[in-house]
PDB file of N, CA and C in Angstrom:
ATOM      1  N   UNK A   1      52.048 -64.458  35.533  1.00  0.00           N
ATOM      2  CA  UNK A   1      53.123 -64.763  34.611  1.00  0.00           C
ATOM      3  C   UNK A   1      54.187 -65.551  35.374  1.00  0.00           C
ATOM      4  N   UNK A   2      54.643 -66.640  34.752  1.00  0.00           N
ATOM      5  CA  UNK A   2      55.649 -67.456  35.423  1.00  0.00           C
ATOM      6  C   UNK A   2      57.021 -66.780  35.361  1.00  0.00           C
ATOM      7  N   UNK A   3      57.931 -67.253  36.181  1.00  0.00           N
ATOM      8  CA  UNK A   3      59.250 -66.629  36.311  1.00  0.00           C
ATOM      9  C   UNK A   3      60.044 -66.683  35.008  1.00  0.00           C
ATOM     10  N   UNK A   4      59.911 -67.773  34.267  1.00  0.00           N
ATOM     11  CA  UNK A   4      60.643 -67.915  33.005  1.00  0.00           C
ATOM     12  C   UNK A   4      60.186 -66.869  31.981  1.00  0.00           C
ATOM     13  N   UNK A   5      58.881 -66.687  31.875  1.00  0.00           N
ATOM     14  CA  UNK A   5      58.361 -65.698  30.921  1.00  0.00           C
ATOM     15  C   UNK A   5      58.725 -64.286  31.358  1.00  0.00           C
ATOM     16  N   UNK A   6      58.638 -64.030  32.642  1.00  0.00           N
ATOM     17  CA  UNK A   6      59.003 -62.714  33.156  1.00  0.00           C
ATOM     18  C   UNK A   6      60.468 -62.401  32.844  1.00  0.00           C
ATOM     19  N   UNK A   7      61.347 -63.380  33.010  1.00  0.00           N
ATOM     20  CA  UNK A   7      62.763 -63.192  32.706  1.00  0.00           C
ATOM     21  C   UNK A   7      62.971 -62.960  31.213  1.00  0.00           C
ATOM     22  N   UNK A   8      62.225 -63.688  30.383  1.00  0.00           N
ATOM     23  CA  UNK A   8      62.322 -63.515  28.928  1.00  0.00           C
ATOM     24  C   UNK A   8      61.904 -62.101  28.531  1.00  0.00           C
ATOM     25  N   UNK A   9      60.801 -61.612  29.100  1.00  0.00           N
ATOM     26  CA  UNK A   9      60.326 -60.262  28.807  1.00  0.00           C
ATOM     27  C   UNK A   9      61.372 -59.230  29.216  1.00  0.00           C
ATOM     28  N   UNK A  10      61.960 -59.414  30.375  1.00  0.00           N
ATOM     29  CA  UNK A  10      62.992 -58.496  30.865  1.00  0.00           C
ATOM     30  C   UNK A  10      64.204 -58.497  29.941  1.00  0.00           C
ATOM     31  N   UNK A  11      64.643 -59.680  29.508  1.00  0.00           N
ATOM     32  CA  UNK A  11      65.789 -59.790  28.606  1.00  0.00           C
ATOM     33  C   UNK A  11      65.487 -59.152  27.247  1.00  0.00           C
ATOM     34  N   UNK A  12      64.291 -59.404  26.727  1.00  0.00           N
ATOM     35  CA  UNK A  12      63.911 -58.816  25.437  1.00  0.00           C
ATOM     36  C   UNK A  12      63.818 -57.295  25.530  1.00  0.00           C
ATOM     37  N   UNK A  13      63.318 -56.801  26.645  1.00  0.00           N
ATOM     38  CA  UNK A  13      63.231 -55.356  26.845  1.00  0.00           C
ATOM     39  C   UNK A  13      64.631 -54.733  26.872  1.00  0.00           C
ATOM     40  N   UNK A  14      65.559 -55.387  27.532  1.00  0.00           N
ATOM     41  CA  UNK A  14      66.933 -54.877  27.576  1.00  0.00           C
ATOM     42  C   UNK A  14      67.547 -54.858  26.177  1.00  0.00           C
ATOM     43  N   UNK A  15      67.258 -55.879  25.383  1.00  0.00           N
ATOM     44  CA  UNK A  15      67.784 -55.946  24.018  1.00  0.00           C
ATOM     45  C   UNK A  15      67.143 -54.891  23.116  1.00  0.00           C
ATOM     46  N   UNK A  16      65.892 -54.544  23.376  1.00  0.00           N
ATOM     47  CA  UNK A  16      65.160 -53.597  22.532  1.00  0.00           C
ATOM     48  C   UNK A  16      65.375 -52.140  22.933  1.00  0.00           C
ATOM     49  N   UNK A  17      65.846 -51.895  24.125  1.00  0.00           N
ATOM     50  CA  UNK A  17      66.001 -50.527  24.624  1.00  0.00           C
ATOM     51  C   UNK A  17      66.814 -49.631  23.690  1.00  0.00           C
ATOM     52  N   UNK A  18      67.961 -50.093  23.167  1.00  0.00           N
ATOM     53  CA  UNK A  18      68.735 -49.212  22.272  1.00  0.00           C
ATOM     54  C   UNK A  18      67.967 -48.801  21.012  1.00  0.00           C
ATOM     55  N   UNK A  19      67.142 -49.692  20.493  1.00  0.00           N
ATOM     56  CA  UNK A  19      66.344 -49.363  19.307  1.00  0.00           C
ATOM     57  C   UNK A  19      65.376 -48.236  19.619  1.00  0.00           C
ATOM     58  N   UNK A  20      64.725 -48.312  20.770  1.00  0.00           N
ATOM     59  CA  UNK A  20      63.789 -47.256  21.171  1.00  0.00           C
ATOM     60  C   UNK A  20      64.544 -45.967  21.474  1.00  0.00           C
ATOM     61  N   UNK A  21      65.651 -46.062  22.173  1.00  0.00           N
ATOM     62  CA  UNK A  21      66.416 -44.882  22.577  1.00  0.00           C
ATOM     63  C   UNK A  21      66.958 -44.115  21.373  1.00  0.00           C
ATOM     64  N   UNK A  22      67.213 -44.834  20.283  1.00  0.00           N
ATOM     65  CA  UNK A  22      67.787 -44.205  19.097  1.00  0.00           C
ATOM     66  C   UNK A  22      66.867 -43.144  18.499  1.00  0.00           C
ATOM     67  N   UNK A  23      65.553 -43.431  18.423  1.00  0.00           N
ATOM     68  CA  UNK A  23      64.689 -42.455  17.766  1.00  0.00           C
ATOM     69  C   UNK A  23      63.241 -42.447  18.253  1.00  0.00           C
ATOM     70  N   UNK A  24      62.933 -43.202  19.283  1.00  0.00           N
ATOM     71  CA  UNK A  24      61.571 -43.256  19.826  1.00  0.00           C
ATOM     72  C   UNK A  24      60.532 -43.526  18.733  1.00  0.00           C
ATOM     73  N   UNK A  25      60.831 -44.494  17.890  1.00  0.00           N
ATOM     74  CA  UNK A  25      59.976 -44.866  16.767  1.00  0.00           C
ATOM     75  C   UNK A  25      59.308 -46.203  17.071  1.00  0.00           C
ATOM     76  N   UNK A  26      57.982 -46.166  17.256  1.00  0.00           N
ATOM     77  CA  UNK A  26      57.238 -47.375  17.592  1.00  0.00           C
ATOM     78  C   UNK A  26      57.320 -48.436  16.524  1.00  0.00           C
ATOM     79  N   UNK A  27      57.322 -48.035  15.253  1.00  0.00           N
ATOM     80  CA  UNK A  27      57.418 -49.015  14.161  1.00  0.00           C
ATOM     81  C   UNK A  27      58.785 -49.692  14.164  1.00  0.00           C
ATOM     82  N   UNK A  28      59.834 -48.912  14.370  1.00  0.00           N
ATOM     83  CA  UNK A  28      61.184 -49.488  14.428  1.00  0.00           C
ATOM     84  C   UNK A  28      61.294 -50.452  15.607  1.00  0.00           C
ATOM     85  N   UNK A  29      60.693 -50.087  16.716  1.00  0.00           N
ATOM     86  CA  UNK A  29      60.710 -50.970  17.886  1.00  0.00           C
ATOM     87  C   UNK A  29      60.008 -52.285  17.575  1.00  0.00           C
ATOM     88  N   UNK A  30      58.829 -52.214  16.952  1.00  0.00           N
ATOM     89  CA  UNK A  30      58.087 -53.440  16.644  1.00  0.00           C
ATOM     90  C   UNK A  30      58.818 -54.285  15.602  1.00  0.00           C
ATOM     91  N   UNK A  31      59.455 -53.656  14.622  1.00  0.00           N
ATOM     92  CA  UNK A  31      60.262 -54.393  13.650  1.00  0.00           C
ATOM     93  C   UNK A  31      61.406 -55.120  14.353  1.00  0.00           C
ATOM     94  N   UNK A  32      62.047 -54.420  15.285  1.00  0.00           N
ATOM     95  CA  UNK A  32      63.141 -55.033  16.046  1.00  0.00           C
ATOM     96  C   UNK A  32      62.627 -56.232  16.840  1.00  0.00           C
ATOM     97  N   UNK A  33      61.502 -56.051  17.521  1.00  0.00           N
ATOM     98  CA  UNK A  33      60.956 -57.149  18.323  1.00  0.00           C
ATOM     99  C   UNK A  33      60.605 -58.351  17.448  1.00  0.00           C
ATOM    100  N   UNK A  34      59.997 -58.097  16.305  1.00  0.00           N
ATOM    101  CA  UNK A  34      59.669 -59.195  15.396  1.00  0.00           C
ATOM    102  C   UNK A  34      60.948 -59.907  14.963  1.00  0.00           C
ATOM    103  N   UNK A  35      61.994 -59.131  14.700  1.00  0.00           N
ATOM    104  CA  UNK A  35      63.269 -59.699  14.271  1.00  0.00           C
ATOM    105  C   UNK A  35      63.942 -60.578  15.308  1.00  0.00           C
ATOM    106  N   UNK A  36      63.610 -60.366  16.567  1.00  0.00           N
ATOM    107  CA  UNK A  36      64.184 -61.210  17.627  1.00  0.00           C
ATOM    108  C   UNK A  36      63.148 -62.194  18.156  1.00  0.00           C
ATOM    109  N   UNK A  37      62.136 -62.472  17.313  1.00  0.00           N
ATOM    110  CA  UNK A  37      61.094 -63.461  17.602  1.00  0.00           C
ATOM    111  C   UNK A  37      60.280 -63.122  18.844  1.00  0.00           C
ATOM    112  N   UNK A  38      59.920 -61.856  18.950  1.00  0.00           N
ATOM    113  CA  UNK A  38      59.055 -61.395  20.031  1.00  0.00           C
ATOM    114  C   UNK A  38      57.797 -60.829  19.399  1.00  0.00           C
ATOM    115  N   UNK A  39      56.699 -61.546  19.555  1.00  0.00           N
ATOM    116  CA  UNK A  39      55.456 -61.188  18.885  1.00  0.00           C
ATOM    117  C   UNK A  39      54.295 -61.196  19.865  1.00  0.00           C
ATOM    118  N   UNK A  40      53.168 -60.663  19.407  1.00  0.00           N
ATOM    119  CA  UNK A  40      51.915 -60.755  20.156  1.00  0.00           C
ATOM    120  C   UNK A  40      51.972 -60.127  21.530  1.00  0.00           C
ATOM    121  N   UNK A  41      51.447 -60.874  22.482  1.00  0.00           N
ATOM    122  CA  UNK A  41      51.345 -60.373  23.859  1.00  0.00           C
ATOM    123  C   UNK A  41      52.722 -60.034  24.421  1.00  0.00           C
ATOM    124  N   UNK A  42      53.714 -60.872  24.120  1.00  0.00           N
ATOM    125  CA  UNK A  42      55.059 -60.589  24.617  1.00  0.00           C
ATOM    126  C   UNK A  42      55.572 -59.259  24.069  1.00  0.00           C
ATOM    127  N   UNK A  43      55.314 -58.984  22.797  1.00  0.00           N
ATOM    128  CA  UNK A  43      55.755 -57.718  22.203  1.00  0.00           C
ATOM    129  C   UNK A  43      55.086 -56.529  22.891  1.00  0.00           C
ATOM    130  N   UNK A  44      53.825 -56.681  23.229  1.00  0.00           N
ATOM    131  CA  UNK A  44      53.122 -55.607  23.932  1.00  0.00           C
ATOM    132  C   UNK A  44      53.724 -55.410  25.324  1.00  0.00           C
ATOM    133  N   UNK A  45      54.003 -56.502  26.019  1.00  0.00           N
ATOM    134  CA  UNK A  45      54.582 -56.397  27.364  1.00  0.00           C
ATOM    135  C   UNK A  45      55.984 -55.795  27.317  1.00  0.00           C
ATOM    136  N   UNK A  46      56.780 -56.190  26.330  1.00  0.00           N
ATOM    137  CA  UNK A  46      58.114 -55.602  26.172  1.00  0.00           C
ATOM    138  C   UNK A  46      57.996 -54.120  25.860  1.00  0.00           C
ATOM    139  N   UNK A  47      57.058 -53.769  24.992  1.00  0.00           N
ATOM    140  CA  UNK A  47      56.846 -52.363  24.645  1.00  0.00           C
ATOM    141  C   UNK A  47      56.512 -51.545  25.886  1.00  0.00           C
ATOM    142  N   UNK A  48      55.669 -52.087  26.752  1.00  0.00           N
ATOM    143  CA  UNK A  48      55.335 -51.378  27.989  1.00  0.00           C
ATOM    144  C   UNK A  48      56.591 -51.072  28.789  1.00  0.00           C
ATOM    145  N   UNK A  49      57.489 -52.060  28.901  1.00  0.00           N
ATOM    146  CA  UNK A  49      58.717 -51.864  29.685  1.00  0.00           C
ATOM    147  C   UNK A  49      59.659 -50.878  29.006  1.00  0.00           C
ATOM    148  N   UNK A  50      59.863 -51.051  27.711  1.00  0.00           N
ATOM    149  CA  UNK A  50      60.842 -50.235  26.993  1.00  0.00           C
ATOM    150  C   UNK A  50      60.391 -48.774  26.910  1.00  0.00           C
ATOM    151  N   UNK A  51      59.141 -48.567  26.567  1.00  0.00           N
ATOM    152  CA  UNK A  51      58.621 -47.220  26.383  1.00  0.00           C
ATOM    153  C   UNK A  51      58.249 -46.591  27.723  1.00  0.00           C
ATOM    154  N   UNK A  52      57.913 -47.439  28.697  1.00  0.00           N
ATOM    155  CA  UNK A  52      57.467 -46.929  29.986  1.00  0.00           C
ATOM    156  C   UNK A  52      56.051 -46.395  29.904  1.00  0.00           C
ATOM    157  N   UNK A  53      55.189 -47.176  29.240  1.00  0.00           N
ATOM    158  CA  UNK A  53      53.824 -46.723  28.994  1.00  0.00           C
ATOM    159  C   UNK A  53      52.809 -47.713  29.548  1.00  0.00           C
ATOM    160  N   UNK A  54      51.545 -47.341  29.444  1.00  0.00           N
ATOM    161  CA  UNK A  54      50.480 -48.220  29.894  1.00  0.00           C
ATOM    162  C   UNK A  54      50.113 -49.228  28.798  1.00  0.00           C
ATOM    163  N   UNK A  55      49.241 -50.153  29.149  1.00  0.00           N
ATOM    164  CA  UNK A  55      48.847 -51.226  28.232  1.00  0.00           C
ATOM    165  C   UNK A  55      48.232 -50.678  26.957  1.00  0.00           C
ATOM    166  N   UNK A  56      47.351 -49.724  27.077  1.00  0.00           N
ATOM    167  CA  UNK A  56      46.668 -49.179  25.891  1.00  0.00           C
ATOM    168  C   UNK A  56      47.665 -48.578  24.908  1.00  0.00           C
ATOM    169  N   UNK A  57      48.602 -47.797  25.407  1.00  0.00           N
ATOM    170  CA  UNK A  57      49.601 -47.172  24.544  1.00  0.00           C
ATOM    171  C   UNK A  57      50.474 -48.227  23.886  1.00  0.00           C
ATOM    172  N   UNK A  58      50.876 -49.240  24.650  1.00  0.00           N
ATOM    173  CA  UNK A  58      51.700 -50.317  24.092  1.00  0.00           C
ATOM    174  C   UNK A  58      50.941 -51.061  22.996  1.00  0.00           C
ATOM    175  N   UNK A  59      49.658 -51.326  23.216  1.00  0.00           N
ATOM    176  CA  UNK A  59      48.853 -51.986  22.191  1.00  0.00           C
ATOM    177  C   UNK A  59      48.740 -51.113  20.945  1.00  0.00           C
ATOM    178  N   UNK A  60      48.542 -49.827  21.134  1.00  0.00           N
ATOM    179  CA  UNK A  60      48.468 -48.912  19.995  1.00  0.00           C
ATOM    180  C   UNK A  60      49.769 -48.938  19.191  1.00  0.00           C
ATOM    181  N   UNK A  61      50.896 -48.910  19.883  1.00  0.00           N
ATOM    182  CA  UNK A  61      52.188 -48.967  19.201  1.00  0.00           C
ATOM    183  C   UNK A  61      52.353 -50.291  18.456  1.00  0.00           C
ATOM    184  N   UNK A  62      51.925 -51.383  19.078  1.00  0.00           N
ATOM    185  CA  UNK A  62      52.042 -52.701  18.446  1.00  0.00           C
ATOM    186  C   UNK A  62      51.147 -52.801  17.219  1.00  0.00           C
ATOM    187  N   UNK A  63      49.865 -52.483  17.382  1.00  0.00           N
ATOM    188  CA  UNK A  63      48.915 -52.685  16.291  1.00  0.00           C
ATOM    189  C   UNK A  63      49.037 -51.660  15.171  1.00  0.00           C
ATOM    190  N   UNK A  64      49.628 -50.508  15.436  1.00  0.00           N
ATOM    191  CA  UNK A  64      49.763 -49.505  14.380  1.00  0.00           C
ATOM    192  C   UNK A  64      51.047 -49.663  13.572  1.00  0.00           C
ATOM    193  N   UNK A  65      51.949 -50.518  14.021  1.00  0.00           N
ATOM    194  CA  UNK A  65      53.198 -50.739  13.286  1.00  0.00           C
ATOM    195  C   UNK A  65      52.924 -51.532  12.013  1.00  0.00           C
ATOM    196  N   UNK A  66      53.691 -51.280  10.955  1.00  0.00           N
ATOM    197  CA  UNK A  66      53.457 -51.981   9.690  1.00  0.00           C
ATOM    198  C   UNK A  66      53.585 -53.501   9.769  1.00  0.00           C
ATOM    199  N   UNK A  67      54.522 -54.027  10.550  1.00  0.00           N
ATOM    200  CA  UNK A  67      54.721 -55.484  10.542  1.00  0.00           C
ATOM    201  C   UNK A  67      53.507 -56.237  11.080  1.00  0.00           C
ATOM    202  N   UNK A  68      52.910 -55.886  12.228  1.00  0.00           N
ATOM    203  CA  UNK A  68      51.706 -56.598  12.651  1.00  0.00           C
ATOM    204  C   UNK A  68      50.523 -56.326  11.730  1.00  0.00           C
ATOM    205  N   UNK A  69      50.461 -55.135  11.160  1.00  0.00           N
ATOM    206  CA  UNK A  69      49.354 -54.810  10.262  1.00  0.00           C
ATOM    207  C   UNK A  69      49.403 -55.696   9.029  1.00  0.00           C
ATOM    208  N   UNK A  70      50.602 -55.938   8.498  1.00  0.00           N
ATOM    209  CA  UNK A  70      50.738 -56.808   7.324  1.00  0.00           C
ATOM    210  C   UNK A  70      50.358 -58.247   7.664  1.00  0.00           C
ATOM    211  N   UNK A  71      50.772 -58.710   8.836  1.00  0.00           N
ATOM    212  CA  UNK A  71      50.411 -60.064   9.263  1.00  0.00           C
ATOM    213  C   UNK A  71      48.901 -60.185   9.458  1.00  0.00           C
ATOM    214  N   UNK A  72      48.297 -59.171  10.031  1.00  0.00           N
ATOM    215  CA  UNK A  72      46.850 -59.183  10.261  1.00  0.00           C
ATOM    216  C   UNK A  72      46.092 -59.177   8.931  1.00  0.00           C
ATOM    217  N   UNK A  73      46.569 -58.404   7.966  1.00  0.00           N
ATOM    218  CA  UNK A  73      45.930 -58.360   6.646  1.00  0.00           C
ATOM    219  C   UNK A  73      46.037 -59.714   5.958  1.00  0.00           C
ATOM    220  N   UNK A  74      47.195 -60.359   6.051  1.00  0.00           N
ATOM    221  CA  UNK A  74      47.364 -61.679   5.459  1.00  0.00           C
ATOM    222  C   UNK A  74      46.432 -62.682   6.129  1.00  0.00           C
ATOM    223  N   UNK A  75      46.373 -62.652   7.451  1.00  0.00           N
ATOM    224  CA  UNK A  75      45.503 -63.555   8.204  1.00  0.00           C
ATOM    225  C   UNK A  75      44.045 -63.347   7.803  1.00  0.00           C
ATOM    226  N   UNK A  76      43.617 -62.090   7.745  1.00  0.00           N
ATOM    227  CA  UNK A  76      42.225 -61.805   7.388  1.00  0.00           C
ATOM    228  C   UNK A  76      41.903 -62.285   5.979  1.00  0.00           C
ATOM    229  N   UNK A  77      42.813 -62.079   5.048  1.00  0.00           N
ATOM    230  CA  UNK A  77      42.595 -62.538   3.677  1.00  0.00           C
ATOM    231  C   UNK A  77      42.513 -64.061   3.618  1.00  0.00           C
ATOM    232  N   UNK A  78      43.374 -64.736   4.361  1.00  0.00           N
ATOM    233  CA  UNK A  78      43.342 -66.203   4.381  1.00  0.00           C
ATOM    234  C   UNK A  78      42.044 -66.708   4.998  1.00  0.00           C
ATOM    235  N   UNK A  79      41.594 -66.065   6.055  1.00  0.00           N
ATOM    236  CA  UNK A  79      40.340 -66.495   6.691  1.00  0.00           C
ATOM    237  C   UNK A  79      39.144 -66.250   5.774  1.00  0.00           C
ATOM    238  N   UNK A  80      39.153 -65.134   5.067  1.00  0.00           N
ATOM    239  CA  UNK A  80      38.067 -64.851   4.123  1.00  0.00           C
ATOM    240  C   UNK A  80      38.053 -65.874   2.994  1.00  0.00           C
ATOM    241  N   UNK A  81      39.221 -66.244   2.491  1.00  0.00           N
ATOM    242  CA  UNK A  81      39.300 -67.258   1.436  1.00  0.00           C
ATOM    243  C   UNK A  81      38.807 -68.606   1.950  1.00  0.00           C
ATOM    244  N   UNK A  82      39.165 -68.938   3.177  1.00  0.00           N
ATOM    245  CA  UNK A  82      38.708 -70.189   3.773  1.00  0.00           C
ATOM    246  C   UNK A  82      37.190 -70.184   3.933  1.00  0.00           C
ATOM    247  N   UNK A  83      36.653 -69.074   4.406  1.00  0.00           N
ATOM    248  CA  UNK A  83      35.193 -68.968   4.548  1.00  0.00           C
ATOM    249  C   UNK A  83      34.493 -69.108   3.203  1.00  0.00           C
ATOM    250  N   UNK A  84      35.044 -68.464   2.176  1.00  0.00           N
ATOM    251  CA  UNK A  84      34.456 -68.567   0.830  1.00  0.00           C
ATOM    252  C   UNK A  84      34.492 -70.011   0.343  1.00  0.00           C
ATOM    253  N   UNK A  85      35.605 -70.701   0.587  1.00  0.00           N
ATOM    254  CA  UNK A  85      35.712 -72.088   0.121  1.00  0.00           C
ATOM    255  C   UNK A  85      34.745 -73.012   0.859  1.00  0.00           C
ATOM    256  N   UNK A  86      34.437 -72.682   2.095  1.00  0.00           N
ATOM    257  CA  UNK A  86      33.524 -73.498   2.897  1.00  0.00           C
ATOM    258  C   UNK A  86      32.065 -73.241   2.519  1.00  0.00           C
ATOM    259  N   UNK A  87      31.790 -72.031   2.038  1.00  0.00           N
ATOM    260  CA  UNK A  87      30.409 -71.686   1.712  1.00  0.00           C
ATOM    261  C   UNK A  87      30.080 -71.988   0.253  1.00  0.00           C
ATOM    262  N   UNK A  88      31.076 -72.412  -0.526  1.00  0.00           N
ATOM    263  CA  UNK A  88      30.836 -72.754  -1.913  1.00  0.00           C
ATOM    264  C   UNK A  88      30.744 -71.553  -2.836  1.00  0.00           C
ATOM    265  N   UNK A  89      31.147 -70.385  -2.368  1.00  0.00           N
ATOM    266  CA  UNK A  89      31.062 -69.169  -3.188  1.00  0.00           C
ATOM    267  C   UNK A  89      32.273 -69.070  -4.070  1.00  0.00           C
TER     268      UNK A  89
END
């Protein structure tokens, strides 16, 4: 990881810490991260720092939160529609 990304992750973790400290709610943390434009791998890395957990736990917190689940459902539906349109069904 380059120095710029590492600094960004550190800054985002500092900004997200109060949200986690308030109630230790993984969904609230992920909503907060999404709100500050922290998504995907960066959100998982920030979660690791804020929660103080391993990669697997951070991924579980990220993927089980409603906001990524809704995005994933939308993506899957769009891909299925695209596949149907390509196959002529």
